[in-house]
Amino acid sequence: MSQTAAQVGEPEREAGKWWWVFLVTGVLWLIISLIILRFDTTSIVTIGVLVGAVILAAGVNEFITGALTKSGWRWLNFVLGAIFVVFGTIAMFSPGRTFWAMAAIIGWFLLFKGTFDIVMAFVTKHENELWWLLLGVGIIELLLAFWAAGGFGRKVLLLVVWAAAAALARGITEIITAFRLRKLHKGSEVPPAAPTGRMTPAAI
């Protein structure tokens, strides 16, 4: 039997009430993407710190998401968060990295994030009307990952573009998550339907 709105469980109800947090972080990620694009620098060290900060922030964001959603797939958020923290630390505390090394870090970041978004798009398809948008974001992230890994163009400016694209994709997925949780929260507040059976004379 399909789950009705009144049958939404406690984990979904608890996660749903935090939907606004994901909306706020999503908007912040969009703002960050615009700020990144305004960087005008040719220093690979500065770019490394910038990329590392973005990836570290994404890792912390994954830990927060896993702690708040409490779904059966939350372990993926924690695994992804740990991977991002490792990549972010390498980028931030290894000055003098070459273009190829930094592009590889961004490429792996986008690869893991894109794969995760595609998986979550299909997993949440039954409860997320915007699942197709999440799927599209995941595919774009995978394409960017291969572009970054290939290092086509070999210009430091591309590192900034890839970092901005990663932040933009993160913002979009956060906003999608916010609306999905909001739908679950609204569903958990719907009271059960009243009995529709007629009263017999004996029951009066």
C-alpha atoms as a PDB file:
ATOM      1  CA  MET A   1       0.000   0.000   0.000  1.00  0.00           C
ATOM      2  CA  SER A   2       1.305   3.484  -0.854  1.00  0.00           C
ATOM      3  CA  GLN A   3       2.303   5.820   1.927  1.00  0.00           C
ATOM      4  CA  THR A   4      -0.229   8.551   2.607  1.00  0.00           C
ATOM      5  CA  ALA A   5       0.597  12.026   3.849  1.00  0.00           C
ATOM      6  CA  ALA A   6      -0.652  11.101   7.313  1.00  0.00           C
ATOM      7  CA  GLN A   7       1.717   8.134   7.431  1.00  0.00           C
ATOM      8  CA  VAL A   8       4.928  10.128   7.127  1.00  0.00           C
ATOM      9  CA  GLY A   9       7.261   8.796   9.803  1.00  0.00           C
ATOM     10  CA  GLU A  10       9.129  10.603  12.560  1.00  0.00           C
ATOM     11  CA  PRO A  11      12.481  10.746  10.691  1.00  0.00           C
ATOM     12  CA  GLU A  12      10.826  12.493   7.739  1.00  0.00           C
ATOM     13  CA  ARG A  13       8.991  14.848  10.083  1.00  0.00           C
ATOM     14  CA  GLU A  14      12.197  15.728  11.926  1.00  0.00           C
ATOM     15  CA  ALA A  15      14.100  16.273   8.668  1.00  0.00           C
ATOM     16  CA  GLY A  16      11.294  18.271   7.094  1.00  0.00           C
ATOM     17  CA  LYS A  17      11.283  20.976   9.735  1.00  0.00           C
ATOM     18  CA  TRP A  18      14.844  21.921   8.764  1.00  0.00           C
ATOM     19  CA  TRP A  19      14.005  22.537   5.085  1.00  0.00           C
ATOM     20  CA  TRP A  20      14.686  26.271   5.438  1.00  0.00           C
ATOM     21  CA  VAL A  21      18.291  25.579   6.470  1.00  0.00           C
ATOM     22  CA  PHE A  22      18.973  23.974   3.086  1.00  0.00           C
ATOM     23  CA  LEU A  23      17.245  26.854   1.323  1.00  0.00           C
ATOM     24  CA  VAL A  24      19.512  29.357   3.097  1.00  0.00           C
ATOM     25  CA  THR A  25      22.697  27.358   2.422  1.00  0.00           C
ATOM     26  CA  GLY A  26      21.626  26.905  -1.204  1.00  0.00           C
ATOM     27  CA  VAL A  27      21.300  30.654  -1.679  1.00  0.00           C
ATOM     28  CA  LEU A  28      24.672  31.165   0.042  1.00  0.00           C
ATOM     29  CA  TRP A  29      26.299  28.707  -2.363  1.00  0.00           C
ATOM     30  CA  LEU A  30      24.860  30.627  -5.311  1.00  0.00           C
ATOM     31  CA  ILE A  31      26.319  33.844  -3.890  1.00  0.00           C
ATOM     32  CA  ILE A  32      29.681  32.124  -3.382  1.00  0.00           C
ATOM     33  CA  SER A  33      29.710  31.018  -7.022  1.00  0.00           C
ATOM     34  CA  LEU A  34      29.274  34.640  -8.125  1.00  0.00           C
ATOM     35  CA  ILE A  35      32.026  35.817  -5.769  1.00  0.00           C
ATOM     36  CA  ILE A  36      34.416  33.168  -7.097  1.00  0.00           C
ATOM     37  CA  LEU A  37      33.872  34.331 -10.674  1.00  0.00           C
ATOM     38  CA  ARG A  38      35.026  37.813  -9.667  1.00  0.00           C
ATOM     39  CA  PHE A  39      38.463  36.520  -8.713  1.00  0.00           C
ATOM     40  CA  ASP A  40      41.083  37.915 -11.055  1.00  0.00           C
ATOM     41  CA  THR A  41      44.307  36.158 -10.164  1.00  0.00           C
ATOM     42  CA  THR A  42      46.998  34.065 -11.792  1.00  0.00           C
ATOM     43  CA  SER A  43      48.443  32.700  -8.529  1.00  0.00           C
ATOM     44  CA  ILE A  44      48.076  28.934  -8.334  1.00  0.00           C
ATOM     45  CA  VAL A  45      48.574  29.140  -4.550  1.00  0.00           C
ATOM     46  CA  THR A  46      45.655  31.548  -4.170  1.00  0.00           C
ATOM     47  CA  ILE A  47      43.526  29.358  -6.421  1.00  0.00           C
ATOM     48  CA  GLY A  48      44.502  26.334  -4.326  1.00  0.00           C
ATOM     49  CA  VAL A  49      43.292  28.022  -1.141  1.00  0.00           C
ATOM     50  CA  LEU A  50      40.082  29.104  -2.890  1.00  0.00           C
ATOM     51  CA  VAL A  51      39.370  25.620  -4.250  1.00  0.00           C
ATOM     52  CA  GLY A  52      40.243  24.030  -0.912  1.00  0.00           C
ATOM     53  CA  ALA A  53      37.891  26.350   0.965  1.00  0.00           C
ATOM     54  CA  VAL A  54      35.023  25.525  -1.408  1.00  0.00           C
ATOM     55  CA  ILE A  55      35.589  21.772  -1.136  1.00  0.00           C
ATOM     56  CA  LEU A  56      35.993  21.909   2.666  1.00  0.00           C
ATOM     57  CA  ALA A  57      32.755  23.882   2.941  1.00  0.00           C
ATOM     58  CA  ALA A  58      31.043  21.266   0.784  1.00  0.00           C
ATOM     59  CA  GLY A  59      32.371  18.541   3.102  1.00  0.00           C
ATOM     60  CA  VAL A  60      31.025  20.266   6.206  1.00  0.00           C
ATOM     61  CA  ASN A  61      27.744  20.787   4.354  1.00  0.00           C
ATOM     62  CA  GLU A  62      27.506  17.040   3.695  1.00  0.00           C
ATOM     63  CA  PHE A  63      28.002  16.262   7.396  1.00  0.00           C
ATOM     64  CA  ILE A  64      25.237  18.732   8.297  1.00  0.00           C
ATOM     65  CA  THR A  65      22.958  17.228   5.645  1.00  0.00           C
ATOM     66  CA  GLY A  66      23.558  13.718   6.981  1.00  0.00           C
ATOM     67  CA  ALA A  67      22.880  14.834  10.547  1.00  0.00           C
ATOM     68  CA  LEU A  68      19.611  16.578   9.667  1.00  0.00           C
ATOM     69  CA  THR A  69      17.989  14.298   7.079  1.00  0.00           C
ATOM     70  CA  LYS A  70      18.225  11.041   9.103  1.00  0.00           C
ATOM     71  CA  SER A  71      17.332   8.994   6.028  1.00  0.00           C
ATOM     72  CA  GLY A  72      18.519   5.494   5.195  1.00  0.00           C
ATOM     73  CA  TRP A  73      21.021   6.993   2.769  1.00  0.00           C
ATOM     74  CA  ARG A  74      22.574   9.418   5.256  1.00  0.00           C
ATOM     75  CA  TRP A  75      25.742   7.327   5.405  1.00  0.00           C
ATOM     76  CA  LEU A  76      26.468   8.451   1.833  1.00  0.00           C
ATOM     77  CA  ASN A  77      26.482  12.056   3.027  1.00  0.00           C
ATOM     78  CA  PHE A  78      29.047  11.219   5.715  1.00  0.00           C
ATOM     79  CA  VAL A  79      31.268   9.275   3.283  1.00  0.00           C
ATOM     80  CA  LEU A  80      31.064  12.081   0.735  1.00  0.00           C
ATOM     81  CA  GLY A  81      31.784  14.643   3.442  1.00  0.00           C
ATOM     82  CA  ALA A  82      34.917  12.762   4.546  1.00  0.00           C
ATOM     83  CA  ILE A  83      36.168  12.562   0.947  1.00  0.00           C
ATOM     84  CA  PHE A  84      35.589  16.280   0.427  1.00  0.00           C
ATOM     85  CA  VAL A  85      37.426  17.155   3.647  1.00  0.00           C
ATOM     86  CA  VAL A  86      40.448  15.159   2.464  1.00  0.00           C
ATOM     87  CA  PHE A  87      40.452  16.814  -0.976  1.00  0.00           C
ATOM     88  CA  GLY A  88      39.888  20.255   0.523  1.00  0.00           C
ATOM     89  CA  THR A  89      42.737  19.829   2.993  1.00  0.00           C
ATOM     90  CA  ILE A  90      45.109  18.745   0.230  1.00  0.00           C
ATOM     91  CA  ALA A  91      44.165  21.769  -1.879  1.00  0.00           C
ATOM     92  CA  MET A  92      44.474  24.302   0.954  1.00  0.00           C
ATOM     93  CA  PHE A  93      47.626  23.104   2.693  1.00  0.00           C
ATOM     94  CA  SER A  94      49.736  22.124  -0.298  1.00  0.00           C
ATOM     95  CA  PRO A  95      50.876  25.457  -1.805  1.00  0.00           C
ATOM     96  CA  GLY A  96      52.617  25.462  -5.166  1.00  0.00           C
ATOM     97  CA  ARG A  97      50.429  22.775  -6.682  1.00  0.00           C
ATOM     98  CA  THR A  98      50.561  22.633 -10.469  1.00  0.00           C
ATOM     99  CA  PHE A  99      47.609  23.322 -12.725  1.00  0.00           C
ATOM    100  CA  TRP A 100      47.221  19.614 -13.428  1.00  0.00           C
ATOM    101  CA  ALA A 101      47.159  18.649  -9.745  1.00  0.00           C
ATOM    102  CA  MET A 102      44.561  21.305  -8.894  1.00  0.00           C
ATOM    103  CA  ALA A 103      42.443  20.381 -11.916  1.00  0.00           C
ATOM    104  CA  ALA A 104      42.574  16.731 -10.842  1.00  0.00           C
ATOM    105  CA  ILE A 105      41.338  17.648  -7.334  1.00  0.00           C
ATOM    106  CA  ILE A 106      38.416  19.613  -8.775  1.00  0.00           C
ATOM    107  CA  GLY A 107      37.751  16.804 -11.245  1.00  0.00           C
ATOM    108  CA  TRP A 108      37.517  14.163  -8.512  1.00  0.00           C
ATOM    109  CA  PHE A 109      35.338  16.470  -6.420  1.00  0.00           C
ATOM    110  CA  LEU A 110      32.885  16.940  -9.307  1.00  0.00           C
ATOM    111  CA  LEU A 111      33.023  13.232 -10.145  1.00  0.00           C
ATOM    112  CA  PHE A 112      31.977  12.137  -6.638  1.00  0.00           C
ATOM    113  CA  LYS A 113      29.400  14.909  -6.335  1.00  0.00           C
ATOM    114  CA  GLY A 114      27.884  14.200  -9.754  1.00  0.00           C
ATOM    115  CA  THR A 115      27.645  10.474  -9.092  1.00  0.00           C
ATOM    116  CA  PHE A 116      26.034  11.135  -5.706  1.00  0.00           C
ATOM    117  CA  ASP A 117      23.456  13.520  -7.188  1.00  0.00           C
ATOM    118  CA  ILE A 118      22.509  11.052  -9.927  1.00  0.00           C
ATOM    119  CA  VAL A 119      22.059   8.250  -7.381  1.00  0.00           C
ATOM    120  CA  MET A 120      19.971  10.467  -5.086  1.00  0.00           C
ATOM    121  CA  ALA A 121      17.846  11.629  -8.026  1.00  0.00           C
ATOM    122  CA  PHE A 122      16.670   8.062  -8.644  1.00  0.00           C
ATOM    123  CA  VAL A 123      16.471   7.141  -4.953  1.00  0.00           C
ATOM    124  CA  THR A 124      14.198  10.103  -4.139  1.00  0.00           C
ATOM    125  CA  LYS A 125      12.246   9.979  -7.401  1.00  0.00           C
ATOM    126  CA  HIS A 126       9.004   8.903  -5.704  1.00  0.00           C
ATOM    127  CA  GLU A 127       9.029  11.820  -3.251  1.00  0.00           C
ATOM    128  CA  ASN A 128      10.837  14.541  -5.192  1.00  0.00           C
ATOM    129  CA  GLU A 129       9.054  16.222  -8.090  1.00  0.00           C
ATOM    130  CA  LEU A 130      12.317  17.932  -9.057  1.00  0.00           C
ATOM    131  CA  TRP A 131      14.275  14.670  -9.301  1.00  0.00           C
ATOM    132  CA  TRP A 132      14.887  15.254 -13.006  1.00  0.00           C
ATOM    133  CA  LEU A 133      16.566  18.581 -12.232  1.00  0.00           C
ATOM    134  CA  LEU A 134      18.865  16.888  -9.720  1.00  0.00           C
ATOM    135  CA  LEU A 135      19.635  14.258 -12.366  1.00  0.00           C
ATOM    136  CA  GLY A 136      20.509  16.985 -14.862  1.00  0.00           C
ATOM    137  CA  VAL A 137      22.807  18.706 -12.366  1.00  0.00           C
ATOM    138  CA  GLY A 138      24.560  15.403 -11.682  1.00  0.00           C
ATOM    139  CA  ILE A 139      25.147  14.771 -15.390  1.00  0.00           C
ATOM    140  CA  ILE A 140      26.530  18.289 -15.868  1.00  0.00           C
ATOM    141  CA  GLU A 141      28.846  17.755 -12.883  1.00  0.00           C
ATOM    142  CA  LEU A 142      30.181  14.550 -14.450  1.00  0.00           C
ATOM    143  CA  LEU A 143      30.833  16.355 -17.741  1.00  0.00           C
ATOM    144  CA  LEU A 144      32.659  19.123 -15.868  1.00  0.00           C
ATOM    145  CA  ALA A 145      34.646  16.481 -13.989  1.00  0.00           C
ATOM    146  CA  PHE A 146      35.983  14.985 -17.222  1.00  0.00           C
ATOM    147  CA  TRP A 147      36.693  18.469 -18.565  1.00  0.00           C
ATOM    148  CA  ALA A 148      38.642  19.380 -15.433  1.00  0.00           C
ATOM    149  CA  ALA A 149      40.496  16.058 -15.358  1.00  0.00           C
ATOM    150  CA  GLY A 150      41.546  16.556 -18.978  1.00  0.00           C
ATOM    151  CA  GLY A 151      42.721  20.080 -18.250  1.00  0.00           C
ATOM    152  CA  PHE A 152      41.721  21.264 -21.691  1.00  0.00           C
ATOM    153  CA  GLY A 153      43.033  24.768 -22.285  1.00  0.00           C
ATOM    154  CA  ARG A 154      45.491  24.581 -19.383  1.00  0.00           C
ATOM    155  CA  LYS A 155      44.618  28.062 -18.151  1.00  0.00           C
ATOM    156  CA  VAL A 156      44.517  28.944 -14.474  1.00  0.00           C
ATOM    157  CA  LEU A 157      41.331  30.885 -15.152  1.00  0.00           C
ATOM    158  CA  LEU A 158      39.616  27.551 -15.847  1.00  0.00           C
ATOM    159  CA  LEU A 159      40.266  26.522 -12.242  1.00  0.00           C
ATOM    160  CA  VAL A 160      38.210  29.499 -11.106  1.00  0.00           C
ATOM    161  CA  VAL A 161      35.430  28.608 -13.556  1.00  0.00           C
ATOM    162  CA  TRP A 162      35.363  24.993 -12.371  1.00  0.00           C
ATOM    163  CA  ALA A 163      35.293  26.051  -8.714  1.00  0.00           C
ATOM    164  CA  ALA A 164      32.429  28.467  -9.445  1.00  0.00           C
ATOM    165  CA  ALA A 165      30.552  25.747 -11.341  1.00  0.00           C
ATOM    166  CA  ALA A 166      30.985  23.374  -8.397  1.00  0.00           C
ATOM    167  CA  ALA A 167      29.585  25.989  -6.001  1.00  0.00           C
ATOM    168  CA  LEU A 168      26.690  26.716  -8.358  1.00  0.00           C
ATOM    169  CA  ALA A 169      25.821  23.023  -8.652  1.00  0.00           C
ATOM    170  CA  ARG A 170      25.989  22.714  -4.884  1.00  0.00           C
ATOM    171  CA  GLY A 171      23.585  25.614  -4.462  1.00  0.00           C
ATOM    172  CA  ILE A 172      21.079  24.119  -6.891  1.00  0.00           C
ATOM    173  CA  THR A 173      21.124  20.717  -5.171  1.00  0.00           C
ATOM    174  CA  GLU A 174      20.692  22.369  -1.752  1.00  0.00           C
ATOM    175  CA  ILE A 175      17.626  24.257  -2.969  1.00  0.00           C
ATOM    176  CA  ILE A 176      16.169  21.073  -4.488  1.00  0.00           C
ATOM    177  CA  THR A 177      16.724  19.304  -1.161  1.00  0.00           C
ATOM    178  CA  ALA A 178      15.003  22.184   0.644  1.00  0.00           C
ATOM    179  CA  PHE A 179      11.826  21.869  -1.427  1.00  0.00           C
ATOM    180  CA  ARG A 180      11.838  18.063  -1.100  1.00  0.00           C
ATOM    181  CA  LEU A 181      12.071  18.302   2.702  1.00  0.00           C
ATOM    182  CA  ARG A 182       9.424  21.035   2.756  1.00  0.00           C
ATOM    183  CA  LYS A 183       7.057  18.712   0.907  1.00  0.00           C
ATOM    184  CA  LEU A 184       7.728  15.943   3.446  1.00  0.00           C
ATOM    185  CA  HIS A 185       7.165  18.375   6.304  1.00  0.00           C
ATOM    186  CA  LYS A 186       3.851  19.576   4.894  1.00  0.00           C
ATOM    187  CA  GLY A 187       2.791  15.970   4.330  1.00  0.00           C
ATOM    188  CA  SER A 188       3.534  15.097   7.946  1.00  0.00           C
ATOM    189  CA  GLU A 189       1.224  17.876   9.145  1.00  0.00           C
ATOM    190  CA  VAL A 190      -1.842  16.661   7.230  1.00  0.00           C
ATOM    191  CA  PRO A 191      -4.305  15.135   9.740  1.00  0.00           C
ATOM    192  CA  PRO A 192      -5.725  11.680   9.023  1.00  0.00           C
ATOM    193  CA  ALA A 193      -8.955  11.650   7.051  1.00  0.00           C
ATOM    194  CA  ALA A 194     -12.186  11.267   9.026  1.00  0.00           C
ATOM    195  CA  PRO A 195     -14.233   8.093   8.563  1.00  0.00           C
ATOM    196  CA  THR A 196     -16.675   8.389   5.707  1.00  0.00           C
ATOM    197  CA  GLY A 197     -19.018   5.550   6.626  1.00  0.00           C
ATOM    198  CA  ARG A 198     -22.698   6.318   7.298  1.00  0.00           C
ATOM    199  CA  MET A 199     -24.079   6.099  10.796  1.00  0.00           C
ATOM    200  CA  THR A 200     -26.686   3.454  11.317  1.00  0.00           C
ATOM    201  CA  PRO A 201     -29.826   4.152  13.355  1.00  0.00           C
ATOM    202  CA  ALA A 202     -28.509   1.840  16.050  1.00  0.00           C
ATOM    203  CA  ALA A 203     -25.416   4.010  16.437  1.00  0.00           C
ATOM    204  CA  ILE A 204     -27.441   7.181  17.100  1.00  0.00           C
END
